[in-house]
């Protein structure tokens, strides 16, 4: 409140009495984006923060010179608040994704950027016009993976540009963060969350007119696999996509799938304890 009072033309907070995100309200689409008046929108959310004074200038300079570019991002630093891990580069998030990343400025299409599982949300910058041009499925549906949806749909509107600087810090192992809360969800809630991601990717495939179907369906497979192991009934195999994903499993994973569904949780935990001994 004090900052808002000090800089009323710059700081414009929304003070909530109840946490809207926990109620399933899409924060940016409901509260922030409708208020945006500038030519570009840059995100910096949660516990993240910027560490580069010229981050915005470099991104806007590129966008101004390349009007076909619809999304811009940079690298960042991951800081583990538990102190158990040293600071590390955000991209590539996983070692096996290093082959899809070059430590230099680069342009990406949807088929390429989807192979980078995570990029720092606090580095996102995109034209307001890109947001307004999104299809109704983008605006009307709630997707718990908002950063993934932004990254893919905004790239699909033109192309994405990576600028090789480290402009933000992402703080890991923050108490009550989205990831921390997700880890405590029950299977039914997790299943619903993954299914919403699958639906979002199906909408993306429609939006791109199946141009990147191979890559999109590969990405979808990650969520379908997770849905299988959150299921509480064999009825999930009546779904064609889930059945196809099940058929890809190894014999051991198929055994684990049936065990999770058919064996009571208490008995399963007891067996795990006996095996560890």
Protein backbone atom coordinates (compact mmCIF):
# COMPACT_ATOMS: atom_id res chain seq x y z
CA UNK A 1 0.00 0.00 0.00
CA UNK A 2 2.81 2.42 0.84
CA UNK A 3 4.46 1.92 -2.57
CA UNK A 4 1.11 2.39 -4.33
CA UNK A 5 0.54 5.62 -2.45
CA UNK A 6 4.05 6.79 -3.28
CA UNK A 7 3.90 5.90 -6.99
CA UNK A 8 0.18 5.88 -7.93
CA UNK A 9 0.88 6.13 -11.68
CA UNK A 10 3.20 3.10 -11.62
CA UNK A 11 2.14 0.77 -8.81
CA UNK A 12 -1.50 -0.30 -9.09
CA UNK A 13 -2.16 -3.17 -6.70
CA UNK A 14 -5.20 -5.39 -6.39
CA UNK A 15 -5.75 -6.02 -2.69
CA UNK A 16 -7.69 -9.22 -2.12
CA UNK A 17 -9.46 -10.34 1.04
CA UNK A 18 -9.44 -13.97 -0.08
CA UNK A 19 -6.80 -15.71 -2.20
CA UNK A 20 -8.42 -15.82 -5.63
CA UNK A 21 -5.92 -18.25 -7.17
CA UNK A 22 -6.81 -20.90 -4.59
CA UNK A 23 -10.46 -20.49 -5.64
CA UNK A 24 -9.60 -21.33 -9.25
CA UNK A 25 -9.80 -17.77 -10.54
CA UNK A 26 -7.37 -17.07 -13.44
CA UNK A 27 -5.53 -14.08 -11.96
CA UNK A 28 -3.95 -12.47 -15.02
CA UNK A 29 -6.96 -12.91 -17.30
CA UNK A 30 -9.40 -11.68 -14.65
CA UNK A 31 -7.54 -8.87 -12.91
CA UNK A 32 -4.33 -7.88 -14.67
CA UNK A 33 -4.63 -8.16 -18.45
CA UNK A 34 -7.89 -6.15 -18.68
CA UNK A 35 -6.07 -3.23 -17.00
CA UNK A 36 -3.04 -3.33 -19.30
CA UNK A 37 -2.71 -0.13 -21.34
CA UNK A 38 0.82 -0.41 -22.75
CA UNK A 39 1.98 -1.79 -26.08
CA UNK A 40 3.75 -4.68 -24.34
CA UNK A 41 3.13 -6.80 -21.27
CA UNK A 42 5.95 -8.20 -19.11
CA UNK A 43 5.37 -10.71 -16.34
CA UNK A 44 7.07 -10.92 -12.97
CA UNK A 45 5.09 -13.02 -10.53
CA UNK A 46 5.18 -14.68 -7.15
CA UNK A 47 8.59 -14.79 -5.53
CA UNK A 48 10.52 -14.10 -8.74
CA UNK A 49 12.46 -10.89 -9.34
CA UNK A 50 14.43 -9.18 -12.09
CA UNK A 51 18.20 -8.75 -11.92
CA UNK A 52 18.90 -7.05 -15.25
CA UNK A 53 18.47 -3.28 -15.63
CA UNK A 54 18.23 -3.46 -19.42
CA UNK A 55 16.05 -6.59 -19.67
CA UNK A 56 12.95 -4.77 -20.85
CA UNK A 57 14.89 -2.45 -23.17
CA UNK A 58 16.60 -5.34 -24.97
CA UNK A 59 13.34 -7.22 -25.38
CA UNK A 60 11.37 -4.21 -26.58
CA UNK A 61 14.15 -3.16 -28.97
CA UNK A 62 13.98 -6.57 -30.62
CA UNK A 63 10.19 -6.57 -30.77
CA UNK A 64 10.10 -3.09 -32.27
CA UNK A 65 12.53 -4.14 -35.01
CA UNK A 66 10.75 -7.45 -35.63
CA UNK A 67 6.97 -6.92 -35.56
CA UNK A 68 6.31 -10.55 -36.53
CA UNK A 69 7.78 -11.68 -33.21
CA UNK A 70 4.95 -12.46 -30.79
CA UNK A 71 6.81 -13.60 -27.67
CA UNK A 72 10.19 -12.89 -26.08
CA UNK A 73 12.03 -14.50 -23.16
CA UNK A 74 15.49 -14.81 -21.62
CA UNK A 75 17.33 -17.18 -19.31
CA UNK A 76 17.29 -16.87 -15.54
CA UNK A 77 18.84 -18.18 -12.34
CA UNK A 78 17.26 -20.75 -10.01
CA UNK A 79 17.94 -20.08 -6.33
CA UNK A 80 17.16 -22.93 -3.93
CA UNK A 81 15.88 -21.45 -0.67
CA UNK A 82 16.55 -24.69 1.20
CA UNK A 83 20.27 -24.15 0.62
CA UNK A 84 20.72 -27.74 -0.51
CA UNK A 85 21.54 -26.87 -4.12
CA UNK A 86 23.84 -24.29 -5.66
CA UNK A 87 22.41 -21.58 -7.91
CA UNK A 88 21.95 -22.90 -11.44
CA UNK A 89 20.80 -21.80 -14.89
CA UNK A 90 17.07 -22.05 -15.47
CA UNK A 91 17.36 -23.16 -19.12
CA UNK A 92 17.77 -26.01 -19.85
CA UNK A 93 15.64 -27.05 -16.88
CA UNK A 94 16.37 -30.74 -17.45
CA UNK A 95 19.71 -32.09 -18.66
CA UNK A 96 18.12 -34.05 -21.50
CA UNK A 97 16.77 -30.78 -22.95
CA UNK A 98 20.22 -29.27 -23.46
CA UNK A 99 20.17 -30.38 -27.11
CA UNK A 100 17.21 -28.06 -27.75
CA UNK A 101 18.94 -25.02 -26.28
CA UNK A 102 21.81 -22.87 -27.49
CA UNK A 103 23.51 -20.29 -25.28
CA UNK A 104 22.93 -17.58 -27.87
CA UNK A 105 20.10 -15.47 -29.26
CA UNK A 106 17.69 -17.73 -31.14
CA UNK A 107 14.19 -17.83 -32.62
CA UNK A 108 11.77 -20.67 -31.81
CA UNK A 109 8.56 -21.95 -33.35
CA UNK A 110 5.97 -23.96 -31.41
CA UNK A 111 7.51 -27.30 -32.34
CA UNK A 112 10.84 -26.21 -30.92
CA UNK A 113 9.83 -24.30 -27.80
CA UNK A 114 7.54 -27.08 -26.57
CA UNK A 115 10.65 -29.22 -26.13
CA UNK A 116 11.86 -26.81 -23.43
CA UNK A 117 9.62 -27.93 -20.56
CA UNK A 118 10.15 -24.82 -18.46
CA UNK A 119 11.38 -21.32 -19.20
CA UNK A 120 11.34 -18.52 -16.60
CA UNK A 121 7.92 -16.88 -16.47
CA UNK A 122 9.47 -13.71 -15.04
CA UNK A 123 11.20 -13.13 -18.38
CA UNK A 124 8.04 -13.27 -20.53
CA UNK A 125 7.33 -10.23 -22.69
CA UNK A 126 4.72 -10.06 -25.45
CA UNK A 127 2.69 -7.46 -27.37
CA UNK A 128 -0.72 -6.61 -25.95
CA UNK A 129 -2.03 -7.16 -29.48
CA UNK A 130 -0.93 -10.81 -29.29
CA UNK A 131 -3.02 -11.30 -26.18
CA UNK A 132 -6.07 -9.70 -27.78
CA UNK A 133 -5.71 -11.91 -30.86
CA UNK A 134 -5.92 -15.14 -28.88
CA UNK A 135 -8.85 -17.50 -29.63
CA UNK A 136 -11.82 -17.76 -27.27
CA UNK A 137 -10.56 -21.12 -25.98
CA UNK A 138 -7.51 -19.31 -24.60
CA UNK A 139 -9.55 -16.76 -22.65
CA UNK A 140 -12.56 -18.82 -21.60
CA UNK A 141 -10.92 -21.94 -20.17
CA UNK A 142 -9.09 -22.25 -16.86
CA UNK A 143 -5.67 -23.86 -17.24
CA UNK A 144 -3.53 -24.44 -14.12
CA UNK A 145 -0.41 -24.36 -16.31
CA UNK A 146 -0.79 -20.72 -17.29
CA UNK A 147 2.87 -20.14 -18.09
CA UNK A 148 2.94 -23.16 -20.42
CA UNK A 149 -0.19 -21.93 -22.18
CA UNK A 150 1.21 -18.40 -22.59
CA UNK A 151 4.49 -19.70 -23.95
CA UNK A 152 2.89 -21.97 -26.55
CA UNK A 153 -0.05 -19.86 -27.71
CA UNK A 154 1.93 -16.62 -27.89
CA UNK A 155 4.67 -18.36 -29.87
CA UNK A 156 2.03 -19.80 -32.20
CA UNK A 157 0.83 -16.26 -33.00
CA UNK A 158 4.16 -15.54 -34.73
CA UNK A 159 7.40 -16.83 -33.25
CA UNK A 160 9.36 -16.66 -30.02
CA UNK A 161 12.71 -14.94 -29.57
CA UNK A 162 15.20 -15.99 -26.92
CA UNK A 163 17.68 -13.28 -25.86
CA UNK A 164 20.72 -14.75 -24.16
CA UNK A 165 20.90 -12.84 -20.90
CA UNK A 166 20.14 -13.88 -17.31
CA UNK A 167 17.48 -11.39 -16.33
CA UNK A 168 15.54 -12.96 -13.45
CA UNK A 169 15.73 -15.15 -10.37
CA UNK A 170 13.32 -17.99 -9.71
CA UNK A 171 13.19 -19.01 -6.07
CA UNK A 172 12.76 -22.74 -5.55
CA UNK A 173 11.36 -24.58 -2.50
CA UNK A 174 9.26 -21.62 -1.40
CA UNK A 175 6.69 -22.61 1.27
CA UNK A 176 3.10 -22.47 -0.03
CA UNK A 177 4.21 -21.96 -3.63
CA UNK A 178 2.06 -23.46 -6.40
CA UNK A 179 4.44 -26.41 -6.76
CA UNK A 180 4.45 -27.01 -3.01
CA UNK A 181 0.66 -26.98 -2.91
CA UNK A 182 0.38 -29.27 -5.94
CA UNK A 183 2.54 -31.89 -4.22
CA UNK A 184 -0.11 -32.17 -1.48
CA UNK A 185 -3.09 -32.62 -3.80
CA UNK A 186 -5.10 -35.82 -3.81
CA UNK A 187 -5.23 -37.95 -6.96
CA UNK A 188 -8.60 -36.69 -8.15
CA UNK A 189 -7.43 -33.07 -8.11
CA UNK A 190 -4.17 -33.99 -9.83
CA UNK A 191 -6.05 -35.96 -12.49
CA UNK A 192 -8.24 -32.94 -13.22
CA UNK A 193 -5.22 -30.64 -13.41
CA UNK A 194 -3.44 -32.89 -15.91
CA UNK A 195 -6.61 -33.31 -17.98
CA UNK A 196 -6.92 -29.52 -18.27
CA UNK A 197 -3.37 -29.40 -19.62
CA UNK A 198 -4.27 -32.05 -22.21
CA UNK A 199 -7.33 -30.05 -23.23
CA UNK A 200 -5.19 -26.91 -23.56
CA UNK A 201 -2.78 -28.75 -25.88
CA UNK A 202 -5.69 -30.01 -27.97
CA UNK A 203 -6.84 -26.39 -28.31
CA UNK A 204 -3.30 -25.42 -29.32
CA UNK A 205 -3.33 -28.11 -32.02
CA UNK A 206 -6.57 -26.64 -33.35
CA UNK A 207 -5.17 -23.09 -33.20
CA UNK A 208 -2.06 -24.09 -35.17
CA UNK A 209 -4.15 -26.18 -37.60
CA UNK A 210 -2.18 -29.34 -36.77
CA UNK A 211 1.08 -27.85 -38.08
CA UNK A 212 2.96 -29.01 -34.98
CA UNK A 213 0.78 -32.02 -34.14
CA UNK A 214 3.70 -34.43 -33.70
CA UNK A 215 5.48 -32.23 -31.16
CA UNK A 216 2.25 -31.21 -29.41
CA UNK A 217 1.14 -34.82 -28.97
CA UNK A 218 4.57 -35.76 -27.67
CA UNK A 219 4.18 -33.06 -25.04
CA UNK A 220 0.64 -34.24 -24.34
CA UNK A 221 1.98 -37.72 -23.61
CA UNK A 222 3.69 -36.45 -20.45
CA UNK A 223 0.35 -35.36 -19.00
CA UNK A 224 -1.50 -38.47 -20.19
CA UNK A 225 1.13 -40.63 -18.49
CA UNK A 226 0.63 -38.67 -15.27
CA UNK A 227 -3.14 -39.07 -15.56
CA UNK A 228 -2.79 -42.84 -15.76
CA UNK A 229 -0.93 -42.97 -12.46
CA UNK A 230 -3.44 -40.65 -10.76
CA UNK A 231 -6.43 -42.72 -11.87
CA UNK A 232 -8.56 -44.51 -9.30
CA UNK A 233 -10.43 -46.77 -11.70
CA UNK A 234 -9.71 -48.94 -14.73
CA UNK A 235 -12.44 -46.99 -16.50
CA UNK A 236 -9.78 -44.50 -17.61
CA UNK A 237 -8.71 -47.06 -20.21
CA UNK A 238 -12.01 -46.45 -22.01
CA UNK A 239 -10.55 -43.10 -23.09
CA UNK A 240 -8.80 -43.56 -26.43
CA UNK A 241 -5.88 -41.24 -25.65
CA UNK A 242 -5.26 -42.78 -22.22
CA UNK A 243 -5.56 -46.28 -23.66
CA UNK A 244 -2.98 -45.41 -26.32
CA UNK A 245 -0.64 -44.04 -23.64
CA UNK A 246 -1.17 -47.19 -21.55
CA UNK A 247 -0.17 -49.35 -24.53
CA UNK A 248 3.19 -47.55 -24.63
CA UNK A 249 4.03 -48.56 -21.05
CA UNK A 250 6.60 -51.21 -20.25
CA UNK A 251 5.41 -54.42 -18.59
CA UNK A 252 6.74 -53.16 -15.27
CA UNK A 253 4.89 -49.84 -15.57
CA UNK A 254 1.69 -51.66 -16.53
CA UNK A 255 2.08 -53.75 -13.39
CA UNK A 256 2.55 -50.58 -11.32
CA UNK A 257 -0.54 -49.06 -12.94
CA UNK A 258 -2.75 -52.00 -11.99
CA UNK A 259 -1.20 -52.24 -8.54
CA UNK A 260 -1.96 -48.59 -7.76
CA UNK A 261 -5.60 -48.98 -8.74
CA UNK A 262 -6.44 -52.44 -7.45
CA UNK A 263 -4.41 -52.58 -4.25
CA UNK A 264 -5.56 -50.55 -1.21
CA UNK A 265 -3.21 -47.66 -0.39
CA UNK A 266 -2.50 -48.86 3.15
CA UNK A 267 -1.51 -52.32 1.93
CA UNK A 268 0.62 -50.84 -0.84
CA UNK A 269 2.47 -48.61 1.65
CA UNK A 270 3.05 -51.60 3.93
CA UNK A 271 4.58 -53.60 1.09
CA UNK A 272 6.84 -50.67 0.21
CA UNK A 273 8.07 -50.50 3.81
CA UNK A 274 8.80 -54.23 3.84
CA UNK A 275 10.74 -53.96 0.57
CA UNK A 276 12.86 -51.09 1.94
CA UNK A 277 13.82 -53.22 4.94
